[in-house]
Every structure is written in structure tokens, then in C-alpha cells.
Amino acid sequence: MSNAEFLEAAVKLDGVSISDEGEEFVATCEEEAEGKIDATKVFASARSAGLDVTNTIGDFDAGHLRVYVDKEGSE
């Protein structure tokens, strides 16, 4: 799976938006029901594409979790 395929898969996920931050993609996962934020499918899409998740930052007051994905993948 290429970067383009990762992007295509990730933007189809409910409650997820993607931005391009230079060397990384940032997937922002929005709060779902009962105050839960689930990034499992973003992690799975990155793993399927051979890309590494480099950081995860939650802002629970704002109701989102940001998942940082390295565009270069595993070395």
C-alpha cells in the first residue's frame, strides 16, 4: 500500500480527518459516543501501508486524538 492508498483508506474512516504536515501525515480522530476516541483503524491502515506511527497526542478537552504517521515507512 502506498502513501496515496493510506490516505484514501484513512479519509474514508468515520470521524477521521487527514492533514499533510511535510514529513508526516496527521490523522485527527474525533470523539465518538460515550466520550471514546478510537484510532485503531488509523493504526491498522498505517501498518498495512508499511508506515510507522511516530506519535499520538490526545486533547481530550477538545475531543480529539492526533496520530502522526511517518511518510517514509519502516527502514
C-alpha atoms as a PDB file:
ATOM      1  CA  MET A   1       0.000   0.000   0.000  1.00  0.00           C
ATOM      2  CA  SER A   2       1.391   3.407  -0.927  1.00  0.00           C
ATOM      3  CA  ASN A   3       1.040   6.756   0.819  1.00  0.00           C
ATOM      4  CA  ALA A   4      -1.834   7.545  -1.567  1.00  0.00           C
ATOM      5  CA  GLU A   5      -3.596   4.313  -0.663  1.00  0.00           C
ATOM      6  CA  PHE A   6      -3.107   5.036   3.064  1.00  0.00           C
ATOM      7  CA  LEU A   7      -4.656   8.474   2.579  1.00  0.00           C
ATOM      8  CA  GLU A   8      -7.561   7.051   0.612  1.00  0.00           C
ATOM      9  CA  ALA A   9      -8.257   4.431   3.292  1.00  0.00           C
ATOM     10  CA  ALA A  10      -7.880   6.855   6.202  1.00  0.00           C
ATOM     11  CA  VAL A  11     -10.169   9.584   4.842  1.00  0.00           C
ATOM     12  CA  LYS A  12     -12.943   7.015   4.427  1.00  0.00           C
ATOM     13  CA  LEU A  13     -12.923   6.335   8.168  1.00  0.00           C
ATOM     14  CA  ASP A  14     -15.753   7.901  10.141  1.00  0.00           C
ATOM     15  CA  GLY A  15     -14.616  10.703  12.423  1.00  0.00           C
ATOM     16  CA  VAL A  16     -11.102  10.935  10.935  1.00  0.00           C
ATOM     17  CA  SER A  17      -9.555  13.852   9.053  1.00  0.00           C
ATOM     18  CA  ILE A  18      -6.094  13.827   7.475  1.00  0.00           C
ATOM     19  CA  SER A  19      -3.571  16.618   7.012  1.00  0.00           C
ATOM     20  CA  ASP A  20      -0.165  16.630   5.337  1.00  0.00           C
ATOM     21  CA  GLU A  21       2.499  18.068   7.649  1.00  0.00           C
ATOM     22  CA  GLY A  22       5.587  17.720   5.439  1.00  0.00           C
ATOM     23  CA  GLU A  23       7.343  14.524   6.550  1.00  0.00           C
ATOM     24  CA  GLU A  24       4.247  13.197   8.313  1.00  0.00           C
ATOM     25  CA  PHE A  25       0.542  12.709   7.867  1.00  0.00           C
ATOM     26  CA  VAL A  26      -1.586  13.713  10.838  1.00  0.00           C
ATOM     27  CA  ALA A  27      -4.807  11.776  11.328  1.00  0.00           C
ATOM     28  CA  THR A  28      -7.169  13.557  13.697  1.00  0.00           C
ATOM     29  CA  CYS A  29      -9.665  11.182  15.283  1.00  0.00           C
ATOM     30  CA  GLU A  30     -12.751  12.864  16.723  1.00  0.00           C
ATOM     31  CA  GLU A  31     -14.603  11.796  19.848  1.00  0.00           C
ATOM     32  CA  GLU A  32     -17.276   9.161  19.313  1.00  0.00           C
ATOM     33  CA  ALA A  33     -20.189   8.191  21.553  1.00  0.00           C
ATOM     34  CA  GLU A  34     -19.693   7.973  25.316  1.00  0.00           C
ATOM     35  CA  GLY A  35     -16.521  10.075  25.188  1.00  0.00           C
ATOM     36  CA  LYS A  36     -14.450   7.412  23.395  1.00  0.00           C
ATOM     37  CA  ILE A  37     -11.786   8.154  20.794  1.00  0.00           C
ATOM     38  CA  ASP A  38     -10.769   5.135  18.720  1.00  0.00           C
ATOM     39  CA  ALA A  39      -7.692   5.298  16.486  1.00  0.00           C
ATOM     40  CA  THR A  40      -7.416   1.536  15.910  1.00  0.00           C
ATOM     41  CA  LYS A  41      -8.304   1.712  12.207  1.00  0.00           C
ATOM     42  CA  VAL A  42      -5.787   4.523  11.602  1.00  0.00           C
ATOM     43  CA  PHE A  43      -3.053   2.374  13.185  1.00  0.00           C
ATOM     44  CA  ALA A  44      -4.161  -0.615  11.069  1.00  0.00           C
ATOM     45  CA  SER A  45      -4.152   1.453   7.857  1.00  0.00           C
ATOM     46  CA  ALA A  46      -0.651   2.760   8.609  1.00  0.00           C
ATOM     47  CA  ARG A  47       0.615  -0.735   9.404  1.00  0.00           C
ATOM     48  CA  SER A  48      -0.913  -2.137   6.184  1.00  0.00           C
ATOM     49  CA  ALA A  49       0.852   0.610   4.224  1.00  0.00           C
ATOM     50  CA  GLY A  50       4.195  -0.181   5.876  1.00  0.00           C
ATOM     51  CA  LEU A  51       4.197   3.226   7.579  1.00  0.00           C
ATOM     52  CA  ASP A  52       5.232   3.975  11.161  1.00  0.00           C
ATOM     53  CA  VAL A  53       3.140   5.795  13.739  1.00  0.00           C
ATOM     54  CA  THR A  54       5.640   8.182  15.329  1.00  0.00           C
ATOM     55  CA  ASN A  55       3.481   9.902  17.926  1.00  0.00           C
ATOM     56  CA  THR A  56      -0.019  10.079  19.327  1.00  0.00           C
ATOM     57  CA  ILE A  57      -1.260  13.193  21.124  1.00  0.00           C
ATOM     58  CA  GLY A  58      -4.648  13.453  22.788  1.00  0.00           C
ATOM     59  CA  ASP A  59      -6.524  16.643  23.563  1.00  0.00           C
ATOM     60  CA  PHE A  60      -9.398  15.171  25.476  1.00  0.00           C
ATOM     61  CA  ASP A  61     -10.871  18.557  26.399  1.00  0.00           C
ATOM     62  CA  ALA A  62     -11.193  19.281  22.670  1.00  0.00           C
ATOM     63  CA  GLY A  63     -12.394  15.720  21.998  1.00  0.00           C
ATOM     64  CA  HIS A  64      -9.743  14.510  19.585  1.00  0.00           C
ATOM     65  CA  LEU A  65      -6.628  12.382  19.258  1.00  0.00           C
ATOM     66  CA  ARG A  66      -3.895  13.098  16.713  1.00  0.00           C
ATOM     67  CA  VAL A  67      -1.945  10.201  15.207  1.00  0.00           C
ATOM     68  CA  TYR A  68       1.325  11.132  13.467  1.00  0.00           C
ATOM     69  CA  VAL A  69       2.335   8.810  10.610  1.00  0.00           C
ATOM     70  CA  ASP A  70       5.809   8.942   9.023  1.00  0.00           C
ATOM     71  CA  LYS A  71       5.521   9.046   5.223  1.00  0.00           C
ATOM     72  CA  GLU A  72       8.801   7.176   4.727  1.00  0.00           C
ATOM     73  CA  GLY A  73       7.707   3.997   6.485  1.00  0.00           C
ATOM     74  CA  SER A  74       9.847   1.412   8.215  1.00  0.00           C
ATOM     75  CA  GLU A  75      13.540   1.221   7.461  1.00  0.00           C
END
